[in-house]
PDB file of N, CA and C in Angstrom:
ATOM      1  N   UNK A   1      64.011-148.117 129.071  1.00  0.00           N
ATOM      2  CA  UNK A   1      64.779-147.026 129.612  1.00  0.00           C
ATOM      3  C   UNK A   1      64.367-145.734 128.906  1.00  0.00           C
ATOM      4  N   UNK A   2      64.350-144.681 129.648  1.00  0.00           N
ATOM      5  CA  UNK A   2      63.948-143.368 129.167  1.00  0.00           C
ATOM      6  C   UNK A   2      64.818-142.919 127.992  1.00  0.00           C
ATOM      7  N   UNK A   3      64.174-142.470 126.912  1.00  0.00           N
ATOM      8  CA  UNK A   3      64.908-142.017 125.722  1.00  0.00           C
ATOM      9  C   UNK A   3      65.845-140.859 126.031  1.00  0.00           C
ATOM     10  N   UNK A   4      65.417-139.953 126.897  1.00  0.00           N
ATOM     11  CA  UNK A   4      66.237-138.805 127.250  1.00  0.00           C
ATOM     12  C   UNK A   4      67.531-139.250 127.933  1.00  0.00           C
ATOM     13  N   UNK A   5      67.428-140.230 128.815  1.00  0.00           N
ATOM     14  CA  UNK A   5      68.614-140.758 129.509  1.00  0.00           C
ATOM     15  C   UNK A   5      69.546-141.419 128.504  1.00  0.00           C
ATOM     16  N   UNK A   6      68.989-142.214 127.600  1.00  0.00           N
ATOM     17  CA  UNK A   6      69.822-142.898 126.617  1.00  0.00           C
ATOM     18  C   UNK A   6      70.490-141.905 125.659  1.00  0.00           C
ATOM     19  N   UNK A   7      69.809-140.824 125.322  1.00  0.00           N
ATOM     20  CA  UNK A   7      70.422-139.795 124.479  1.00  0.00           C
ATOM     21  C   UNK A   7      71.598-139.151 125.211  1.00  0.00           C
ATOM     22  N   UNK A   8      71.416-138.921 126.507  1.00  0.00           N
ATOM     23  CA  UNK A   8      72.487-138.335 127.313  1.00  0.00           C
ATOM     24  C   UNK A   8      73.677-139.283 127.393  1.00  0.00           C
ATOM     25  N   UNK A   9      73.412-140.568 127.619  1.00  0.00           N
ATOM     26  CA  UNK A   9      74.479-141.573 127.678  1.00  0.00           C
ATOM     27  C   UNK A   9      75.211-141.618 126.339  1.00  0.00           C
ATOM     28  N   UNK A  10      74.473-141.606 125.244  1.00  0.00           N
ATOM     29  CA  UNK A  10      75.096-141.634 123.914  1.00  0.00           C
ATOM     30  C   UNK A  10      75.950-140.400 123.669  1.00  0.00           C
ATOM     31  N   UNK A  11      75.442-139.242 124.096  1.00  0.00           N
ATOM     32  CA  UNK A  11      76.191-138.002 123.909  1.00  0.00           C
ATOM     33  C   UNK A  11      77.508-138.032 124.692  1.00  0.00           C
ATOM     34  N   UNK A  12      77.433-138.459 125.953  1.00  0.00           N
ATOM     35  CA  UNK A  12      78.637-138.498 126.785  1.00  0.00           C
ATOM     36  C   UNK A  12      79.598-139.576 126.273  1.00  0.00           C
ATOM     37  N   UNK A  13      79.071-140.704 125.817  1.00  0.00           N
ATOM     38  CA  UNK A  13      79.932-141.756 125.242  1.00  0.00           C
ATOM     39  C   UNK A  13      80.688-141.205 124.031  1.00  0.00           C
ATOM     40  N   UNK A  14      80.021-140.407 123.218  1.00  0.00           N
ATOM     41  CA  UNK A  14      80.682-139.789 122.064  1.00  0.00           C
ATOM     42  C   UNK A  14      81.786-138.845 122.503  1.00  0.00           C
ATOM     43  N   UNK A  15      81.544-138.118 123.592  1.00  0.00           N
ATOM     44  CA  UNK A  15      82.556-137.200 124.119  1.00  0.00           C
ATOM     45  C   UNK A  15      83.750-137.984 124.677  1.00  0.00           C
ATOM     46  N   UNK A  16      83.465-139.031 125.419  1.00  0.00           N
ATOM     47  CA  UNK A  16      84.521-139.831 126.049  1.00  0.00           C
ATOM     48  C   UNK A  16      85.353-140.574 125.003  1.00  0.00           C
ATOM     49  N   UNK A  17      84.728-140.924 123.897  1.00  0.00           N
ATOM     50  CA  UNK A  17      85.418-141.668 122.830  1.00  0.00           C
ATOM     51  C   UNK A  17      86.771-141.042 122.491  1.00  0.00           C
ATOM     52  N   UNK A  18      86.821-139.726 122.435  1.00  0.00           N
ATOM     53  CA  UNK A  18      88.071-139.045 122.060  1.00  0.00           C
ATOM     54  C   UNK A  18      89.128-139.119 123.164  1.00  0.00           C
ATOM     55  N   UNK A  19      88.714-139.486 124.379  1.00  0.00           N
ATOM     56  CA  UNK A  19      89.653-139.578 125.499  1.00  0.00           C
ATOM     57  C   UNK A  19      90.127-141.010 125.771  1.00  0.00           C
ATOM     58  N   UNK A  20      89.589-141.970 125.020  1.00  0.00           N
ATOM     59  CA  UNK A  20      89.952-143.369 125.218  1.00  0.00           C
ATOM     60  C   UNK A  20      91.361-143.610 124.693  1.00  0.00           C
ATOM     61  N   UNK A  21      92.202-144.196 125.542  1.00  0.00           N
ATOM     62  CA  UNK A  21      93.579-144.505 125.163  1.00  0.00           C
ATOM     63  C   UNK A  21      93.847-145.986 125.377  1.00  0.00           C
ATOM     64  N   UNK A  22      94.987-146.440 124.874  1.00  0.00           N
ATOM     65  CA  UNK A  22      95.394-147.834 125.053  1.00  0.00           C
ATOM     66  C   UNK A  22      95.418-148.566 123.734  1.00  0.00           C
ATOM     67  N   UNK A  23      96.148-149.672 123.751  1.00  0.00           N
ATOM     68  CA  UNK A  23      96.291-150.473 122.533  1.00  0.00           C
ATOM     69  C   UNK A  23      95.341-151.661 122.488  1.00  0.00           C
ATOM     70  N   UNK A  24      95.009-152.208 123.658  1.00  0.00           N
ATOM     71  CA  UNK A  24      94.169-153.414 123.703  1.00  0.00           C
ATOM     72  C   UNK A  24      92.747-153.053 124.137  1.00  0.00           C
ATOM     73  N   UNK A  25      91.861-153.979 123.951  1.00  0.00           N
ATOM     74  CA  UNK A  25      90.473-153.790 124.379  1.00  0.00           C
ATOM     75  C   UNK A  25      90.413-153.488 125.874  1.00  0.00           C
ATOM     76  N   UNK A  26      91.134-154.248 126.671  1.00  0.00           N
ATOM     77  CA  UNK A  26      91.125-154.057 128.129  1.00  0.00           C
ATOM     78  C   UNK A  26      91.671-152.678 128.494  1.00  0.00           C
ATOM     79  N   UNK A  27      92.764-152.261 127.853  1.00  0.00           N
ATOM     80  CA  UNK A  27      93.336-150.934 128.137  1.00  0.00           C
ATOM     81  C   UNK A  27      92.352-149.829 127.774  1.00  0.00           C
ATOM     82  N   UNK A  28      91.670-149.988 126.652  1.00  0.00           N
ATOM     83  CA  UNK A  28      90.689-148.994 126.230  1.00  0.00           C
ATOM     84  C   UNK A  28      89.511-148.949 127.210  1.00  0.00           C
ATOM     85  N   UNK A  29      89.057-150.112 127.660  1.00  0.00           N
ATOM     86  CA  UNK A  29      87.962-150.151 128.631  1.00  0.00           C
ATOM     87  C   UNK A  29      88.364-149.478 129.937  1.00  0.00           C
ATOM     88  N   UNK A  30      89.553-149.786 130.425  1.00  0.00           N
ATOM     89  CA  UNK A  30      90.025-149.168 131.671  1.00  0.00           C
ATOM     90  C   UNK A  30      90.100-147.655 131.530  1.00  0.00           C
ATOM     91  N   UNK A  31      90.583-147.202 130.396  1.00  0.00           N
ATOM     92  CA  UNK A  31      90.692-145.771 130.135  1.00  0.00           C
ATOM     93  C   UNK A  31      89.312-145.114 130.123  1.00  0.00           C
ATOM     94  N   UNK A  32      88.378-145.711 129.393  1.00  0.00           N
ATOM     95  CA  UNK A  32      87.023-145.161 129.301  1.00  0.00           C
ATOM     96  C   UNK A  32      86.324-145.188 130.658  1.00  0.00           C
ATOM     97  N   UNK A  33      86.535-146.241 131.418  1.00  0.00           N
ATOM     98  CA  UNK A  33      85.906-146.351 132.735  1.00  0.00           C
ATOM     99  C   UNK A  33      86.441-145.309 133.700  1.00  0.00           C
ATOM    100  N   UNK A  34      87.713-145.031 133.591  1.00  0.00           N
ATOM    101  CA  UNK A  34      88.319-144.002 134.450  1.00  0.00           C
ATOM    102  C   UNK A  34      87.678-142.640 134.176  1.00  0.00           C
ATOM    103  N   UNK A  35      87.475-142.331 132.905  1.00  0.00           N
ATOM    104  CA  UNK A  35      86.873-141.048 132.527  1.00  0.00           C
ATOM    105  C   UNK A  35      85.382-141.017 132.905  1.00  0.00           C
ATOM    106  N   UNK A  36      84.673-142.093 132.604  1.00  0.00           N
ATOM    107  CA  UNK A  36      83.225-142.123 132.845  1.00  0.00           C
ATOM    108  C   UNK A  36      82.875-142.168 134.324  1.00  0.00           C
ATOM    109  N   UNK A  37      83.728-142.777 135.119  1.00  0.00           N
ATOM    110  CA  UNK A  37      83.430-142.973 136.538  1.00  0.00           C
ATOM    111  C   UNK A  37      83.069-141.667 137.246  1.00  0.00           C
ATOM    112  N   UNK A  38      83.725-140.572 136.888  1.00  0.00           N
ATOM    113  CA  UNK A  38      83.479-139.299 137.561  1.00  0.00           C
ATOM    114  C   UNK A  38      82.981-138.205 136.619  1.00  0.00           C
ATOM    115  N   UNK A  39      82.390-138.616 135.506  1.00  0.00           N
ATOM    116  CA  UNK A  39      81.934-137.610 134.546  1.00  0.00           C
ATOM    117  C   UNK A  39      80.771-136.815 135.126  1.00  0.00           C
ATOM    118  N   UNK A  40      80.878-135.509 135.014  1.00  0.00           N
ATOM    119  CA  UNK A  40      79.899-134.610 135.622  1.00  0.00           C
ATOM    120  C   UNK A  40      78.498-134.734 135.027  1.00  0.00           C
ATOM    121  N   UNK A  41      78.386-135.128 133.769  1.00  0.00           N
ATOM    122  CA  UNK A  41      77.084-135.141 133.099  1.00  0.00           C
ATOM    123  C   UNK A  41      76.238-136.366 133.424  1.00  0.00           C
ATOM    124  N   UNK A  42      76.854-137.403 133.961  1.00  0.00           N
ATOM    125  CA  UNK A  42      76.126-138.636 134.298  1.00  0.00           C
ATOM    126  C   UNK A  42      76.364-138.905 135.782  1.00  0.00           C
ATOM    127  N   UNK A  43      75.299-138.984 136.541  1.00  0.00           N
ATOM    128  CA  UNK A  43      75.456-139.184 137.989  1.00  0.00           C
ATOM    129  C   UNK A  43      75.109-140.599 138.438  1.00  0.00           C
ATOM    130  N   UNK A  44      74.374-141.329 137.625  1.00  0.00           N
ATOM    131  CA  UNK A  44      73.967-142.688 137.979  1.00  0.00           C
ATOM    132  C   UNK A  44      75.084-143.680 137.654  1.00  0.00           C
ATOM    133  N   UNK A  45      75.413-144.526 138.612  1.00  0.00           N
ATOM    134  CA  UNK A  45      76.506-145.503 138.471  1.00  0.00           C
ATOM    135  C   UNK A  45      76.311-146.426 137.263  1.00  0.00           C
ATOM    136  N   UNK A  46      75.114-146.946 137.099  1.00  0.00           N
ATOM    137  CA  UNK A  46      74.834-147.855 135.983  1.00  0.00           C
ATOM    138  C   UNK A  46      74.980-147.132 134.646  1.00  0.00           C
ATOM    139  N   UNK A  47      74.515-145.911 134.587  1.00  0.00           N
ATOM    140  CA  UNK A  47      74.621-145.138 133.349  1.00  0.00           C
ATOM    141  C   UNK A  47      76.081-144.787 133.039  1.00  0.00           C
ATOM    142  N   UNK A  48      76.876-144.561 134.060  1.00  0.00           N
ATOM    143  CA  UNK A  48      78.307-144.305 133.845  1.00  0.00           C
ATOM    144  C   UNK A  48      78.978-145.544 133.258  1.00  0.00           C
ATOM    145  N   UNK A  49      78.607-146.712 133.776  1.00  0.00           N
ATOM    146  CA  UNK A  49      79.135-147.977 133.249  1.00  0.00           C
ATOM    147  C   UNK A  49      78.766-148.121 131.774  1.00  0.00           C
ATOM    148  N   UNK A  50      77.506-147.898 131.470  1.00  0.00           N
ATOM    149  CA  UNK A  50      77.033-148.008 130.085  1.00  0.00           C
ATOM    150  C   UNK A  50      77.748-147.008 129.174  1.00  0.00           C
ATOM    151  N   UNK A  51      77.973-145.823 129.707  1.00  0.00           N
ATOM    152  CA  UNK A  51      78.666-144.788 128.945  1.00  0.00           C
ATOM    153  C   UNK A  51      80.078-145.227 128.591  1.00  0.00           C
ATOM    154  N   UNK A  52      80.788-145.792 129.564  1.00  0.00           N
ATOM    155  CA  UNK A  52      82.163-146.246 129.319  1.00  0.00           C
ATOM    156  C   UNK A  52      82.201-147.347 128.265  1.00  0.00           C
ATOM    157  N   UNK A  53      81.330-148.331 128.413  1.00  0.00           N
ATOM    158  CA  UNK A  53      81.308-149.437 127.448  1.00  0.00           C
ATOM    159  C   UNK A  53      80.898-148.918 126.072  1.00  0.00           C
ATOM    160  N   UNK A  54      79.908-148.033 126.041  1.00  0.00           N
ATOM    161  CA  UNK A  54      79.464-147.454 124.774  1.00  0.00           C
ATOM    162  C   UNK A  54      80.566-146.678 124.072  1.00  0.00           C
ATOM    163  N   UNK A  55      81.369-145.953 124.851  1.00  0.00           N
ATOM    164  CA  UNK A  55      82.475-145.187 124.264  1.00  0.00           C
ATOM    165  C   UNK A  55      83.463-146.118 123.565  1.00  0.00           C
ATOM    166  N   UNK A  56      83.779-147.229 124.200  1.00  0.00           N
ATOM    167  CA  UNK A  56      84.725-148.176 123.594  1.00  0.00           C
ATOM    168  C   UNK A  56      84.100-148.847 122.373  1.00  0.00           C
ATOM    169  N   UNK A  57      82.809-149.114 122.428  1.00  0.00           N
ATOM    170  CA  UNK A  57      82.137-149.682 121.258  1.00  0.00           C
ATOM    171  C   UNK A  57      82.210-148.702 120.092  1.00  0.00           C
ATOM    172  N   UNK A  58      82.072-147.407 120.390  1.00  0.00           N
ATOM    173  CA  UNK A  58      82.194-146.393 119.344  1.00  0.00           C
ATOM    174  C   UNK A  58      83.611-146.342 118.770  1.00  0.00           C
ATOM    175  N   UNK A  59      84.604-146.537 119.627  1.00  0.00           N
ATOM    176  CA  UNK A  59      85.994-146.539 119.167  1.00  0.00           C
ATOM    177  C   UNK A  59      86.205-147.641 118.136  1.00  0.00           C
ATOM    178  N   UNK A  60      85.694-148.825 118.430  1.00  0.00           N
ATOM    179  CA  UNK A  60      85.911-149.961 117.527  1.00  0.00           C
ATOM    180  C   UNK A  60      84.961-149.970 116.334  1.00  0.00           C
ATOM    181  N   UNK A  61      83.731-149.572 116.545  1.00  0.00           N
ATOM    182  CA  UNK A  61      82.751-149.535 115.466  1.00  0.00           C
ATOM    183  C   UNK A  61      82.112-150.887 115.187  1.00  0.00           C
ATOM    184  N   UNK A  62      80.883-150.811 114.712  1.00  0.00           N
ATOM    185  CA  UNK A  62      80.145-152.032 114.378  1.00  0.00           C
ATOM    186  C   UNK A  62      80.892-152.844 113.343  1.00  0.00           C
ATOM    187  N   UNK A  63      80.811-154.155 113.518  1.00  0.00           N
ATOM    188  CA  UNK A  63      81.459-155.060 112.567  1.00  0.00           C
ATOM    189  C   UNK A  63      82.836-155.521 112.998  1.00  0.00           C
ATOM    190  N   UNK A  64      83.432-154.836 113.974  1.00  0.00           N
ATOM    191  CA  UNK A  64      84.744-155.282 114.452  1.00  0.00           C
ATOM    192  C   UNK A  64      84.566-156.419 115.452  1.00  0.00           C
ATOM    193  N   UNK A  65      85.581-157.247 115.591  1.00  0.00           N
ATOM    194  CA  UNK A  65      85.526-158.354 116.548  1.00  0.00           C
ATOM    195  C   UNK A  65      85.345-157.841 117.976  1.00  0.00           C
ATOM    196  N   UNK A  66      86.027-156.739 118.297  1.00  0.00           N
ATOM    197  CA  UNK A  66      85.946-156.183 119.654  1.00  0.00           C
ATOM    198  C   UNK A  66      84.534-155.668 119.946  1.00  0.00           C
ATOM    199  N   UNK A  67      83.933-155.005 118.986  1.00  0.00           N
ATOM    200  CA  UNK A  67      82.557-154.521 119.144  1.00  0.00           C
ATOM    201  C   UNK A  67      81.621-155.700 119.395  1.00  0.00           C
ATOM    202  N   UNK A  68      81.766-156.732 118.591  1.00  0.00           N
ATOM    203  CA  UNK A  68      80.916-157.919 118.737  1.00  0.00           C
ATOM    204  C   UNK A  68      81.120-158.598 120.084  1.00  0.00           C
ATOM    205  N   UNK A  69      82.361-158.640 120.546  1.00  0.00           N
ATOM    206  CA  UNK A  69      82.654-159.250 121.845  1.00  0.00           C
ATOM    207  C   UNK A  69      82.032-158.415 122.972  1.00  0.00           C
ATOM    208  N   UNK A  70      82.143-157.101 122.881  1.00  0.00           N
ATOM    209  CA  UNK A  70      81.517-156.225 123.883  1.00  0.00           C
ATOM    210  C   UNK A  70      79.999-156.384 123.863  1.00  0.00           C
ATOM    211  N   UNK A  71      79.425-156.399 122.679  1.00  0.00           N
ATOM    212  CA  UNK A  71      77.977-156.547 122.547  1.00  0.00           C
ATOM    213  C   UNK A  71      77.507-157.867 123.143  1.00  0.00           C
ATOM    214  N   UNK A  72      78.230-158.942 122.878  1.00  0.00           N
ATOM    215  CA  UNK A  72      77.851-160.259 123.409  1.00  0.00           C
ATOM    216  C   UNK A  72      77.877-160.255 124.937  1.00  0.00           C
ATOM    217  N   UNK A  73      78.896-159.625 125.519  1.00  0.00           N
ATOM    218  CA  UNK A  73      78.969-159.602 126.989  1.00  0.00           C
ATOM    219  C   UNK A  73      77.884-158.708 127.588  1.00  0.00           C
ATOM    220  N   UNK A  74      77.603-157.597 126.965  1.00  0.00           N
ATOM    221  CA  UNK A  74      76.537-156.711 127.449  1.00  0.00           C
ATOM    222  C   UNK A  74      75.190-157.437 127.381  1.00  0.00           C
ATOM    223  N   UNK A  75      74.958-158.151 126.300  1.00  0.00           N
ATOM    224  CA  UNK A  75      73.711-158.898 126.156  1.00  0.00           C
ATOM    225  C   UNK A  75      73.621-160.014 127.190  1.00  0.00           C
ATOM    226  N   UNK A  76      74.738-160.669 127.487  1.00  0.00           N
ATOM    227  CA  UNK A  76      74.744-161.719 128.512  1.00  0.00           C
ATOM    228  C   UNK A  76      74.436-161.122 129.880  1.00  0.00           C
ATOM    229  N   UNK A  77      75.026-159.976 130.190  1.00  0.00           N
ATOM    230  CA  UNK A  77      74.748-159.316 131.469  1.00  0.00           C
ATOM    231  C   UNK A  77      73.269-158.948 131.573  1.00  0.00           C
ATOM    232  N   UNK A  78      72.697-158.457 130.484  1.00  0.00           N
ATOM    233  CA  UNK A  78      71.283-158.094 130.478  1.00  0.00           C
ATOM    234  C   UNK A  78      70.397-159.324 130.693  1.00  0.00           C
ATOM    235  N   UNK A  79      70.798-160.423 130.085  1.00  0.00           N
ATOM    236  CA  UNK A  79      70.031-161.665 130.214  1.00  0.00           C
ATOM    237  C   UNK A  79      70.072-162.196 131.652  1.00  0.00           C
ATOM    238  N   UNK A  80      71.267-162.167 132.253  1.00  0.00           N
ATOM    239  CA  UNK A  80      71.384-162.613 133.642  1.00  0.00           C
ATOM    240  C   UNK A  80      70.634-161.677 134.580  1.00  0.00           C
ATOM    241  N   UNK A  81      70.683-160.389 134.307  1.00  0.00           N
ATOM    242  CA  UNK A  81      69.957-159.415 135.117  1.00  0.00           C
ATOM    243  C   UNK A  81      68.454-159.686 135.049  1.00  0.00           C
ATOM    244  N   UNK A  82      67.958-159.950 133.855  1.00  0.00           N
ATOM    245  CA  UNK A  82      66.535-160.255 133.683  1.00  0.00           C
ATOM    246  C   UNK A  82      66.164-161.538 134.424  1.00  0.00           C
ATOM    247  N   UNK A  83      67.040-162.533 134.376  1.00  0.00           N
ATOM    248  CA  UNK A  83      66.772-163.798 135.070  1.00  0.00           C
ATOM    249  C   UNK A  83      66.722-163.583 136.581  1.00  0.00           C
ATOM    250  N   UNK A  84      67.625-162.778 137.098  1.00  0.00           N
ATOM    251  CA  UNK A  84      67.632-162.490 138.538  1.00  0.00           C
ATOM    252  C   UNK A  84      66.356-161.761 138.936  1.00  0.00           C
ATOM    253  N   UNK A  85      65.956-160.792 138.140  1.00  0.00           N
ATOM    254  CA  UNK A  85      64.720-160.056 138.440  1.00  0.00           C
ATOM    255  C   UNK A  85      63.502-160.974 138.383  1.00  0.00           C
ATOM    256  N   UNK A  86      63.499-161.886 137.418  1.00  0.00           N
ATOM    257  CA  UNK A  86      62.393-162.841 137.322  1.00  0.00           C
ATOM    258  C   UNK A  86      62.360-163.742 138.552  1.00  0.00           C
ATOM    259  N   UNK A  87      63.521-164.220 138.971  1.00  0.00           N
ATOM    260  CA  UNK A  87      63.591-165.083 140.157  1.00  0.00           C
ATOM    261  C   UNK A  87      63.122-164.326 141.394  1.00  0.00           C
ATOM    262  N   UNK A  88      63.507-163.066 141.493  1.00  0.00           N
ATOM    263  CA  UNK A  88      63.059-162.244 142.630  1.00  0.00           C
ATOM    264  C   UNK A  88      61.537-162.082 142.644  1.00  0.00           C
ATOM    265  N   UNK A  89      60.932-162.116 141.455  1.00  0.00           N
ATOM    266  CA  UNK A  89      59.484-161.980 141.343  1.00  0.00           C
ATOM    267  C   UNK A  89      58.761-163.310 141.503  1.00  0.00           C
ATOM    268  N   UNK A  90      59.519-164.379 141.749  1.00  0.00           N
ATOM    269  CA  UNK A  90      58.917-165.680 141.978  1.00  0.00           C
ATOM    270  C   UNK A  90      58.833-166.574 140.760  1.00  0.00           C
ATOM    271  N   UNK A  91      59.391-166.152 139.657  1.00  0.00           N
ATOM    272  CA  UNK A  91      59.392-166.958 138.438  1.00  0.00           C
ATOM    273  C   UNK A  91      60.536-167.969 138.529  1.00  0.00           C
ATOM    274  N   UNK A  92      60.242-169.214 138.176  1.00  0.00           N
ATOM    275  CA  UNK A  92      61.266-170.256 138.202  1.00  0.00           C
ATOM    276  C   UNK A  92      62.254-170.026 137.048  1.00  0.00           C
ATOM    277  N   UNK A  93      63.539-169.981 137.399  1.00  0.00           N
ATOM    278  CA  UNK A  93      64.580-169.724 136.406  1.00  0.00           C
ATOM    279  C   UNK A  93      65.613-170.847 136.481  1.00  0.00           C
ATOM    280  N   UNK A  94      65.972-171.396 135.336  1.00  0.00           N
ATOM    281  CA  UNK A  94      67.004-172.425 135.273  1.00  0.00           C
ATOM    282  C   UNK A  94      68.349-171.742 135.019  1.00  0.00           C
ATOM    283  N   UNK A  95      68.995-171.343 136.117  1.00  0.00           N
ATOM    284  CA  UNK A  95      70.261-170.622 136.000  1.00  0.00           C
ATOM    285  C   UNK A  95      71.365-171.491 135.400  1.00  0.00           C
ATOM    286  N   UNK A  96      71.317-172.793 135.659  1.00  0.00           N
ATOM    287  CA  UNK A  96      72.331-173.688 135.098  1.00  0.00           C
ATOM    288  C   UNK A  96      72.235-173.716 133.575  1.00  0.00           C
ATOM    289  N   UNK A  97      71.024-173.765 133.061  1.00  0.00           N
ATOM    290  CA  UNK A  97      70.832-173.763 131.609  1.00  0.00           C
ATOM    291  C   UNK A  97      71.276-172.425 131.016  1.00  0.00           C
ATOM    292  N   UNK A  98      70.961-171.353 131.714  1.00  0.00           N
ATOM    293  CA  UNK A  98      71.368-170.025 131.251  1.00  0.00           C
ATOM    294  C   UNK A  98      72.894-169.912 131.224  1.00  0.00           C
ATOM    295  N   UNK A  99      73.537-170.363 132.286  1.00  0.00           N
ATOM    296  CA  UNK A  99      75.000-170.304 132.364  1.00  0.00           C
ATOM    297  C   UNK A  99      75.647-171.182 131.288  1.00  0.00           C
ATOM    298  N   UNK A 100      75.022-172.317 130.984  1.00  0.00           N
ATOM    299  CA  UNK A 100      75.615-173.226 129.996  1.00  0.00           C
ATOM    300  C   UNK A 100      75.666-172.609 128.599  1.00  0.00           C
ATOM    301  N   UNK A 101      74.806-171.633 128.344  1.00  0.00           N
ATOM    302  CA  UNK A 101      74.835-170.944 127.043  1.00  0.00           C
ATOM    303  C   UNK A 101      76.163-170.224 126.821  1.00  0.00           C
ATOM    304  N   UNK A 102      76.822-169.873 127.917  1.00  0.00           N
ATOM    305  CA  UNK A 102      78.030-169.051 127.821  1.00  0.00           C
ATOM    306  C   UNK A 102      79.311-169.803 128.138  1.00  0.00           C
ATOM    307  N   UNK A 103      79.205-171.096 128.432  1.00  0.00           N
ATOM    308  CA  UNK A 103      80.399-171.892 128.729  1.00  0.00           C
ATOM    309  C   UNK A 103      81.321-171.931 127.519  1.00  0.00           C
ATOM    310  N   UNK A 104      82.599-171.710 127.782  1.00  0.00           N
ATOM    311  CA  UNK A 104      83.604-171.776 126.734  1.00  0.00           C
ATOM    312  C   UNK A 104      83.704-170.540 125.865  1.00  0.00           C
ATOM    313  N   UNK A 105      82.834-169.561 126.081  1.00  0.00           N
ATOM    314  CA  UNK A 105      82.890-168.332 125.300  1.00  0.00           C
ATOM    315  C   UNK A 105      83.816-167.342 126.001  1.00  0.00           C
ATOM    316  N   UNK A 106      84.503-166.513 125.233  1.00  0.00           N
ATOM    317  CA  UNK A 106      85.423-165.552 125.847  1.00  0.00           C
ATOM    318  C   UNK A 106      84.676-164.543 126.719  1.00  0.00           C
ATOM    319  N   UNK A 107      85.284-164.215 127.839  1.00  0.00           N
ATOM    320  CA  UNK A 107      84.689-163.264 128.770  1.00  0.00           C
ATOM    321  C   UNK A 107      85.664-162.103 128.964  1.00  0.00           C
ATOM    322  N   UNK A 108      85.167-160.911 128.824  1.00  0.00           N
ATOM    323  CA  UNK A 108      85.985-159.721 129.038  1.00  0.00           C
ATOM    324  C   UNK A 108      86.087-159.433 130.535  1.00  0.00           C
ATOM    325  N   UNK A 109      84.975-159.580 131.226  1.00  0.00           N
ATOM    326  CA  UNK A 109      84.932-159.255 132.646  1.00  0.00           C
ATOM    327  C   UNK A 109      84.607-157.787 132.877  1.00  0.00           C
ATOM    328  N   UNK A 110      83.592-157.289 132.178  1.00  0.00           N
ATOM    329  CA  UNK A 110      83.240-155.879 132.252  1.00  0.00           C
ATOM    330  C   UNK A 110      82.948-155.420 133.679  1.00  0.00           C
ATOM    331  N   UNK A 111      82.180-156.190 134.417  1.00  0.00           N
ATOM    332  CA  UNK A 111      81.836-155.777 135.783  1.00  0.00           C
ATOM    333  C   UNK A 111      83.052-155.768 136.691  1.00  0.00           C
ATOM    334  N   UNK A 112      83.942-156.716 136.497  1.00  0.00           N
ATOM    335  CA  UNK A 112      85.173-156.744 137.296  1.00  0.00           C
ATOM    336  C   UNK A 112      86.018-155.510 136.982  1.00  0.00           C
ATOM    337  N   UNK A 113      86.161-155.181 135.710  1.00  0.00           N
ATOM    338  CA  UNK A 113      86.912-153.997 135.314  1.00  0.00           C
ATOM    339  C   UNK A 113      86.286-152.737 135.899  1.00  0.00           C
ATOM    340  N   UNK A 114      84.952-152.684 135.896  1.00  0.00           N
ATOM    341  CA  UNK A 114      84.256-151.533 136.443  1.00  0.00           C
ATOM    342  C   UNK A 114      84.531-151.409 137.942  1.00  0.00           C
ATOM    343  N   UNK A 115      84.459-152.523 138.650  1.00  0.00           N
ATOM    344  CA  UNK A 115      84.758-152.495 140.097  1.00  0.00           C
ATOM    345  C   UNK A 115      86.191-152.054 140.357  1.00  0.00           C
ATOM    346  N   UNK A 116      87.111-152.508 139.531  1.00  0.00           N
ATOM    347  CA  UNK A 116      88.527-152.157 139.695  1.00  0.00           C
ATOM    348  C   UNK A 116      88.799-150.687 139.368  1.00  0.00           C
ATOM    349  N   UNK A 117      87.893-150.059 138.641  1.00  0.00           N
ATOM    350  CA  UNK A 117      88.115-148.670 138.242  1.00  0.00           C
ATOM    351  C   UNK A 117      87.784-147.677 139.357  1.00  0.00           C
ATOM    352  N   UNK A 118      87.284-148.180 140.464  1.00  0.00           N
ATOM    353  CA  UNK A 118      86.914-147.294 141.591  1.00  0.00           C
ATOM    354  C   UNK A 118      88.129-146.732 142.268  1.00  0.00           C
TER     355      UNK A 118
END
C-alpha cells in the first residue's frame, strides 16, 4: 500500500482517536466507525474502515488485550483476503484449513460492525 495513503490514514486515525467514546471495545468501535464513515479527508471505503479500527487501536495502545484482539482480527481478515485473491488467480487454497486456525478464538465482527455503521 502506498506510504502516502497510509500516512493519511494514520493522521486521520489520530484525529478520530479524540472523538472515540464508549466504555466497551464494541462501543468504541461503533463510535470510531460513525466518525470515520463520513470523514472528509478519506474518501475510500476500505481506508475509512482501516482508519476507524486504527483509531480504536490507538485508544487502547499496544500491549493491551483489546489492541491484541483487534490486531488478531485484522490479521485474520488480511489472511482470508489474500486467500480469496489467490483462489481468484487460480491458486489452490484450503479454506477449511485456514478457517480451522480461527475456530474457538474470540471474534469481534469488525466487518459486521462496519456494515451496521452505514
